[in-house]
Amino acid sequence: MLRARPGPDSAGARVGFVMPDDGEAADRDEAPRAQWRQADVRRAIAAAEKAGLSAYRIEIAPDGTIAIVVGD
């Protein structure tokens, strides 16, 4: 997660972003993994086929995010 950092001056200053410190990263790494079900994957496949995709793959990230990646 990125945190907003104030810019150099308050009048029209740009907002920058900083990476979290090590303590925040450790908390995020220990978060429980999201649950997914086989029905979720079937639903993703059905959506890809309904869209007429012929070259795709289904990816499941460690956090449980299911993505349809299109292409050869």
PDB file of N, CA and C in Angstrom:
ATOM      1  N   MET A   1       0.848  -1.161   0.000  1.00  0.00           N
ATOM      2  CA  MET A   1       0.000   0.000   0.000  1.00  0.00           C
ATOM      3  C   MET A   1       0.895   1.225   0.000  1.00  0.00           C
ATOM      4  N   LEU A   2       0.610   2.186  -0.889  1.00  0.00           N
ATOM      5  CA  LEU A   2       1.368   3.416  -0.954  1.00  0.00           C
ATOM      6  C   LEU A   2       0.732   4.459  -0.054  1.00  0.00           C
ATOM      7  N   ARG A   3       1.570   5.302   0.549  1.00  0.00           N
ATOM      8  CA  ARG A   3       1.064   6.382   1.390  1.00  0.00           C
ATOM      9  C   ARG A   3       1.353   7.699   0.706  1.00  0.00           C
ATOM     10  N   ALA A   4       0.394   8.645   0.779  1.00  0.00           N
ATOM     11  CA  ALA A   4       0.606   9.966   0.195  1.00  0.00           C
ATOM     12  C   ALA A   4       1.665  10.701   0.987  1.00  0.00           C
ATOM     13  N   ARG A   5       2.490  11.451   0.284  1.00  0.00           N
ATOM     14  CA  ARG A   5       3.518  12.261   0.916  1.00  0.00           C
ATOM     15  C   ARG A   5       3.340  13.683   0.413  1.00  0.00           C
ATOM     16  N   PRO A   6       3.273  14.670   1.304  1.00  0.00           N
ATOM     17  CA  PRO A   6       3.096  16.045   0.847  1.00  0.00           C
ATOM     18  C   PRO A   6       4.268  16.498  -0.009  1.00  0.00           C
ATOM     19  N   GLY A   7       3.975  17.390  -0.974  1.00  0.00           N
ATOM     20  CA  GLY A   7       5.003  17.923  -1.862  1.00  0.00           C
ATOM     21  C   GLY A   7       5.836  18.984  -1.180  1.00  0.00           C
ATOM     22  N   PRO A   8       6.744  19.626  -1.925  1.00  0.00           N
ATOM     23  CA  PRO A   8       7.667  20.592  -1.343  1.00  0.00           C
ATOM     24  C   PRO A   8       7.004  21.865  -0.834  1.00  0.00           C
ATOM     25  N   ASP A   9       5.903  22.298  -1.445  1.00  0.00           N
ATOM     26  CA  ASP A   9       5.210  23.474  -0.932  1.00  0.00           C
ATOM     27  C   ASP A   9       3.712  23.231  -0.976  1.00  0.00           C
ATOM     28  N   SER A  10       2.958  24.025  -0.234  1.00  0.00           N
ATOM     29  CA  SER A  10       1.526  23.768  -0.125  1.00  0.00           C
ATOM     30  C   SER A  10       0.722  24.372  -1.262  1.00  0.00           C
ATOM     31  N   ALA A  11       1.270  25.302  -2.025  1.00  0.00           N
ATOM     32  CA  ALA A  11       0.533  25.958  -3.114  1.00  0.00           C
ATOM     33  C   ALA A  11       0.778  25.209  -4.416  1.00  0.00           C
ATOM     34  N   GLY A  12      -0.165  24.380  -4.803  1.00  0.00           N
ATOM     35  CA  GLY A  12      -0.054  23.652  -6.061  1.00  0.00           C
ATOM     36  C   GLY A  12       1.015  22.588  -6.056  1.00  0.00           C
ATOM     37  N   ALA A  13       1.356  22.098  -4.903  1.00  0.00           N
ATOM     38  CA  ALA A  13       2.405  21.084  -4.804  1.00  0.00           C
ATOM     39  C   ALA A  13       1.903  19.746  -5.310  1.00  0.00           C
ATOM     40  N   ARG A  14       2.787  19.007  -5.916  1.00  0.00           N
ATOM     41  CA  ARG A  14       2.449  17.648  -6.335  1.00  0.00           C
ATOM     42  C   ARG A  14       2.516  16.726  -5.134  1.00  0.00           C
ATOM     43  N   VAL A  15       1.702  15.695  -5.180  1.00  0.00           N
ATOM     44  CA  VAL A  15       1.726  14.706  -4.114  1.00  0.00           C
ATOM     45  C   VAL A  15       2.537  13.525  -4.598  1.00  0.00           C
ATOM     46  N   GLY A  16       3.502  13.092  -3.795  1.00  0.00           N
ATOM     47  CA  GLY A  16       4.302  11.931  -4.125  1.00  0.00           C
ATOM     48  C   GLY A  16       3.829  10.729  -3.333  1.00  0.00           C
ATOM     49  N   PHE A  17       4.429   9.598  -3.578  1.00  0.00           N
ATOM     50  CA  PHE A  17       4.073   8.384  -2.853  1.00  0.00           C
ATOM     51  C   PHE A  17       5.335   7.729  -2.343  1.00  0.00           C
ATOM     52  N   VAL A  18       5.227   7.108  -1.196  1.00  0.00           N
ATOM     53  CA  VAL A  18       6.363   6.410  -0.602  1.00  0.00           C
ATOM     54  C   VAL A  18       5.956   4.974  -0.313  1.00  0.00           C
ATOM     55  N   MET A  19       6.918   4.089  -0.385  1.00  0.00           N
ATOM     56  CA  MET A  19       6.661   2.693  -0.049  1.00  0.00           C
ATOM     57  C   MET A  19       6.555   2.564   1.466  1.00  0.00           C
ATOM     58  N   PRO A  20       5.777   1.612   1.963  1.00  0.00           N
ATOM     59  CA  PRO A  20       5.659   1.427   3.412  1.00  0.00           C
ATOM     60  C   PRO A  20       6.985   0.964   4.001  1.00  0.00           C
ATOM     61  N   ASP A  21       7.172   1.263   5.293  1.00  0.00           N
ATOM     62  CA  ASP A  21       8.391   0.800   5.941  1.00  0.00           C
ATOM     63  C   ASP A  21       8.314  -0.709   6.172  1.00  0.00           C
ATOM     64  N   ASP A  22       9.381  -1.315   6.623  1.00  0.00           N
ATOM     65  CA  ASP A  22       9.446  -2.774   6.777  1.00  0.00           C
ATOM     66  C   ASP A  22       8.362  -3.333   7.689  1.00  0.00           C
ATOM     67  N   GLY A  23       8.005  -2.620   8.735  1.00  0.00           N
ATOM     68  CA  GLY A  23       6.979  -3.092   9.656  1.00  0.00           C
ATOM     69  C   GLY A  23       5.629  -3.235   8.985  1.00  0.00           C
ATOM     70  N   GLU A  24       5.274  -2.269   8.134  1.00  0.00           N
ATOM     71  CA  GLU A  24       3.994  -2.333   7.421  1.00  0.00           C
ATOM     72  C   GLU A  24       4.001  -3.472   6.413  1.00  0.00           C
ATOM     73  N   ALA A  25       5.116  -3.686   5.750  1.00  0.00           N
ATOM     74  CA  ALA A  25       5.203  -4.761   4.763  1.00  0.00           C
ATOM     75  C   ALA A  25       5.054  -6.120   5.436  1.00  0.00           C
ATOM     76  N   ALA A  26       5.625  -6.269   6.618  1.00  0.00           N
ATOM     77  CA  ALA A  26       5.530  -7.544   7.336  1.00  0.00           C
ATOM     78  C   ALA A  26       4.079  -7.829   7.715  1.00  0.00           C
ATOM     79  N   ASP A  27       3.336  -6.800   8.131  1.00  0.00           N
ATOM     80  CA  ASP A  27       1.931  -6.995   8.472  1.00  0.00           C
ATOM     81  C   ASP A  27       1.138  -7.461   7.262  1.00  0.00           C
ATOM     82  N   ARG A  28       1.416  -6.882   6.115  1.00  0.00           N
ATOM     83  CA  ARG A  28       0.688  -7.225   4.901  1.00  0.00           C
ATOM     84  C   ARG A  28       1.012  -8.654   4.455  1.00  0.00           C
ATOM     85  N   ASP A  29       2.286  -9.077   4.620  1.00  0.00           N
ATOM     86  CA  ASP A  29       2.693 -10.420   4.205  1.00  0.00           C
ATOM     87  C   ASP A  29       2.024 -11.504   5.040  1.00  0.00           C
ATOM     88  N   GLU A  30       1.652 -11.184   6.262  1.00  0.00           N
ATOM     89  CA  GLU A  30       1.059 -12.167   7.151  1.00  0.00           C
ATOM     90  C   GLU A  30      -0.460 -12.235   7.036  1.00  0.00           C
ATOM     91  N   ALA A  31      -1.039 -11.455   6.140  1.00  0.00           N
ATOM     92  CA  ALA A  31      -2.493 -11.443   5.985  1.00  0.00           C
ATOM     93  C   ALA A  31      -2.951 -12.802   5.458  1.00  0.00           C
ATOM     94  N   PRO A  32      -4.116 -13.265   5.894  1.00  0.00           N
ATOM     95  CA  PRO A  32      -4.608 -14.554   5.408  1.00  0.00           C
ATOM     96  C   PRO A  32      -4.917 -14.503   3.916  1.00  0.00           C
ATOM     97  N   ARG A  33      -4.749 -15.617   3.278  1.00  0.00           N
ATOM     98  CA  ARG A  33      -5.048 -15.703   1.845  1.00  0.00           C
ATOM     99  C   ARG A  33      -6.547 -15.747   1.635  1.00  0.00           C
ATOM    100  N   ALA A  34      -6.967 -15.155   0.549  1.00  0.00           N
ATOM    101  CA  ALA A  34      -8.390 -15.165   0.225  1.00  0.00           C
ATOM    102  C   ALA A  34      -8.793 -16.557  -0.257  1.00  0.00           C
ATOM    103  N   GLN A  35     -10.001 -16.927   0.019  1.00  0.00           N
ATOM    104  CA  GLN A  35     -10.511 -18.224  -0.420  1.00  0.00           C
ATOM    105  C   GLN A  35     -11.105 -18.099  -1.819  1.00  0.00           C
ATOM    106  N   TRP A  36     -10.939 -19.097  -2.645  1.00  0.00           N
ATOM    107  CA  TRP A  36     -11.609 -19.162  -3.927  1.00  0.00           C
ATOM    108  C   TRP A  36     -12.134 -20.571  -4.072  1.00  0.00           C
ATOM    109  N   ARG A  37     -13.147 -20.703  -4.881  1.00  0.00           N
ATOM    110  CA  ARG A  37     -13.771 -22.008  -5.093  1.00  0.00           C
ATOM    111  C   ARG A  37     -13.664 -22.406  -6.552  1.00  0.00           C
ATOM    112  N   GLN A  38     -13.783 -23.690  -6.793  1.00  0.00           N
ATOM    113  CA  GLN A  38     -13.732 -24.187  -8.155  1.00  0.00           C
ATOM    114  C   GLN A  38     -14.838 -23.560  -8.987  1.00  0.00           C
ATOM    115  N   ALA A  39     -15.975 -23.261  -8.377  1.00  0.00           N
ATOM    116  CA  ALA A  39     -17.071 -22.609  -9.088  1.00  0.00           C
ATOM    117  C   ALA A  39     -16.654 -21.225  -9.593  1.00  0.00           C
ATOM    118  N   ASP A  40     -15.786 -20.535  -8.847  1.00  0.00           N
ATOM    119  CA  ASP A  40     -15.289 -19.231  -9.286  1.00  0.00           C
ATOM    120  C   ASP A  40     -14.476 -19.368 -10.568  1.00  0.00           C
ATOM    121  N   VAL A  41     -13.649 -20.405 -10.631  1.00  0.00           N
ATOM    122  CA  VAL A  41     -12.834 -20.652 -11.828  1.00  0.00           C
ATOM    123  C   VAL A  41     -13.732 -21.046 -12.996  1.00  0.00           C
ATOM    124  N   ARG A  42     -14.713 -21.883 -12.738  1.00  0.00           N
ATOM    125  CA  ARG A  42     -15.653 -22.258 -13.803  1.00  0.00           C
ATOM    126  C   ARG A  42     -16.373 -21.036 -14.348  1.00  0.00           C
ATOM    127  N   ARG A  43     -16.762 -20.124 -13.461  1.00  0.00           N
ATOM    128  CA  ARG A  43     -17.455 -18.903 -13.877  1.00  0.00           C
ATOM    129  C   ARG A  43     -16.534 -18.035 -14.747  1.00  0.00           C
ATOM    130  N   ALA A  44     -15.246 -17.952 -14.404  1.00  0.00           N
ATOM    131  CA  ALA A  44     -14.286 -17.189 -15.202  1.00  0.00           C
ATOM    132  C   ALA A  44     -14.119 -17.814 -16.584  1.00  0.00           C
ATOM    133  N   ILE A  45     -14.032 -19.135 -16.641  1.00  0.00           N
ATOM    134  CA  ILE A  45     -13.915 -19.832 -17.930  1.00  0.00           C
ATOM    135  C   ILE A  45     -15.163 -19.603 -18.778  1.00  0.00           C
ATOM    136  N   ALA A  46     -16.331 -19.701 -18.160  1.00  0.00           N
ATOM    137  CA  ALA A  46     -17.585 -19.475 -18.889  1.00  0.00           C
ATOM    138  C   ALA A  46     -17.644 -18.058 -19.432  1.00  0.00           C
ATOM    139  N   ALA A  47     -17.177 -17.084 -18.659  1.00  0.00           N
ATOM    140  CA  ALA A  47     -17.182 -15.693 -19.120  1.00  0.00           C
ATOM    141  C   ALA A  47     -16.245 -15.512 -20.312  1.00  0.00           C
ATOM    142  N   ALA A  48     -15.065 -16.151 -20.261  1.00  0.00           N
ATOM    143  CA  ALA A  48     -14.112 -16.049 -21.369  1.00  0.00           C
ATOM    144  C   ALA A  48     -14.683 -16.680 -22.628  1.00  0.00           C
ATOM    145  N   GLU A  49     -15.314 -17.837 -22.497  1.00  0.00           N
ATOM    146  CA  GLU A  49     -15.892 -18.505 -23.661  1.00  0.00           C
ATOM    147  C   GLU A  49     -17.088 -17.728 -24.207  1.00  0.00           C
ATOM    148  N   LYS A  50     -17.902 -17.159 -23.329  1.00  0.00           N
ATOM    149  CA  LYS A  50     -19.052 -16.362 -23.773  1.00  0.00           C
ATOM    150  C   LYS A  50     -18.583 -15.122 -24.530  1.00  0.00           C
ATOM    151  N   ALA A  51     -17.418 -14.585 -24.145  1.00  0.00           N
ATOM    152  CA  ALA A  51     -16.863 -13.420 -24.829  1.00  0.00           C
ATOM    153  C   ALA A  51     -16.222 -13.795 -26.163  1.00  0.00           C
ATOM    154  N   GLY A  52     -16.165 -15.099 -26.463  1.00  0.00           N
ATOM    155  CA  GLY A  52     -15.606 -15.553 -27.733  1.00  0.00           C
ATOM    156  C   GLY A  52     -14.095 -15.640 -27.752  1.00  0.00           C
ATOM    157  N   LEU A  53     -13.481 -15.673 -26.592  1.00  0.00           N
ATOM    158  CA  LEU A  53     -12.025 -15.760 -26.541  1.00  0.00           C
ATOM    159  C   LEU A  53     -11.577 -17.175 -26.888  1.00  0.00           C
ATOM    160  N   SER A  54     -10.510 -17.272 -27.670  1.00  0.00           N
ATOM    161  CA  SER A  54     -10.006 -18.601 -28.012  1.00  0.00           C
ATOM    162  C   SER A  54      -8.636 -18.853 -27.391  1.00  0.00           C
ATOM    163  N   ALA A  55      -7.893 -17.789 -27.137  1.00  0.00           N
ATOM    164  CA  ALA A  55      -6.568 -17.926 -26.529  1.00  0.00           C
ATOM    165  C   ALA A  55      -6.571 -17.150 -25.216  1.00  0.00           C
ATOM    166  N   TYR A  56      -6.688 -17.868 -24.105  1.00  0.00           N
ATOM    167  CA  TYR A  56      -6.709 -17.229 -22.788  1.00  0.00           C
ATOM    168  C   TYR A  56      -6.244 -18.217 -21.740  1.00  0.00           C
ATOM    169  N   ARG A  57      -5.945 -17.683 -20.573  1.00  0.00           N
ATOM    170  CA  ARG A  57      -5.646 -18.548 -19.429  1.00  0.00           C
ATOM    171  C   ARG A  57      -6.244 -17.891 -18.194  1.00  0.00           C
ATOM    172  N   ILE A  58      -6.515 -18.706 -17.207  1.00  0.00           N
ATOM    173  CA  ILE A  58      -7.053 -18.238 -15.936  1.00  0.00           C
ATOM    174  C   ILE A  58      -5.909 -18.278 -14.929  1.00  0.00           C
ATOM    175  N   GLU A  59      -5.672 -17.152 -14.244  1.00  0.00           N
ATOM    176  CA  GLU A  59      -4.626 -17.098 -13.222  1.00  0.00           C
ATOM    177  C   GLU A  59      -5.269 -16.790 -11.876  1.00  0.00           C
ATOM    178  N   ILE A  60      -4.750 -17.435 -10.827  1.00  0.00           N
ATOM    179  CA  ILE A  60      -5.201 -17.167  -9.468  1.00  0.00           C
ATOM    180  C   ILE A  60      -3.988 -16.682  -8.681  1.00  0.00           C
ATOM    181  N   ALA A  61      -4.052 -15.453  -8.203  1.00  0.00           N
ATOM    182  CA  ALA A  61      -2.959 -14.846  -7.446  1.00  0.00           C
ATOM    183  C   ALA A  61      -2.991 -15.344  -6.000  1.00  0.00           C
ATOM    184  N   PRO A  62      -1.884 -15.207  -5.290  1.00  0.00           N
ATOM    185  CA  PRO A  62      -1.848 -15.640  -3.888  1.00  0.00           C
ATOM    186  C   PRO A  62      -2.917 -14.984  -3.012  1.00  0.00           C
ATOM    187  N   ASP A  63      -3.349 -13.765  -3.390  1.00  0.00           N
ATOM    188  CA  ASP A  63      -4.377 -13.102  -2.591  1.00  0.00           C
ATOM    189  C   ASP A  63      -5.783 -13.538  -2.973  1.00  0.00           C
ATOM    190  N   GLY A  64      -5.904 -14.492  -3.914  1.00  0.00           N
ATOM    191  CA  GLY A  64      -7.199 -15.014  -4.306  1.00  0.00           C
ATOM    192  C   GLY A  64      -7.809 -14.342  -5.526  1.00  0.00           C
ATOM    193  N   THR A  65      -7.125 -13.347  -6.080  1.00  0.00           N
ATOM    194  CA  THR A  65      -7.629 -12.665  -7.265  1.00  0.00           C
ATOM    195  C   THR A  65      -7.610 -13.607  -8.454  1.00  0.00           C
ATOM    196  N   ILE A  66      -8.731 -13.682  -9.163  1.00  0.00           N
ATOM    197  CA  ILE A  66      -8.824 -14.529 -10.353  1.00  0.00           C
ATOM    198  C   ILE A  66      -8.821 -13.609 -11.557  1.00  0.00           C
ATOM    199  N   ALA A  67      -7.908 -13.870 -12.511  1.00  0.00           N
ATOM    200  CA  ALA A  67      -7.776 -13.024 -13.690  1.00  0.00           C
ATOM    201  C   ALA A  67      -7.856 -13.876 -14.940  1.00  0.00           C
ATOM    202  N   ILE A  68      -8.456 -13.310 -15.982  1.00  0.00           N
ATOM    203  CA  ILE A  68      -8.467 -13.926 -17.308  1.00  0.00           C
ATOM    204  C   ILE A  68      -7.420 -13.191 -18.128  1.00  0.00           C
ATOM    205  N   VAL A  69      -6.381 -13.889 -18.549  1.00  0.00           N
ATOM    206  CA  VAL A  69      -5.306 -13.294 -19.331  1.00  0.00           C
ATOM    207  C   VAL A  69      -5.532 -13.709 -20.775  1.00  0.00           C
ATOM    208  N   VAL A  70      -5.651 -12.727 -21.659  1.00  0.00           N
ATOM    209  CA  VAL A  70      -5.976 -12.973 -23.050  1.00  0.00           C
ATOM    210  C   VAL A  70      -4.717 -12.879 -23.896  1.00  0.00           C
ATOM    211  N   GLY A  71      -4.557 -13.782 -24.851  1.00  0.00           N
ATOM    212  CA  GLY A  71      -3.439 -13.738 -25.789  1.00  0.00           C
ATOM    213  C   GLY A  71      -2.829 -15.104 -25.994  1.00  0.00           C
ATOM    214  N   ASP A  72      -1.996 -15.177 -27.022  1.00  0.00           N
ATOM    215  CA  ASP A  72      -1.321 -16.440 -27.344  1.00  0.00           C
ATOM    216  C   ASP A  72      -0.211 -16.706 -26.373  1.00  0.00           C
TER     217      ASP A  72
END
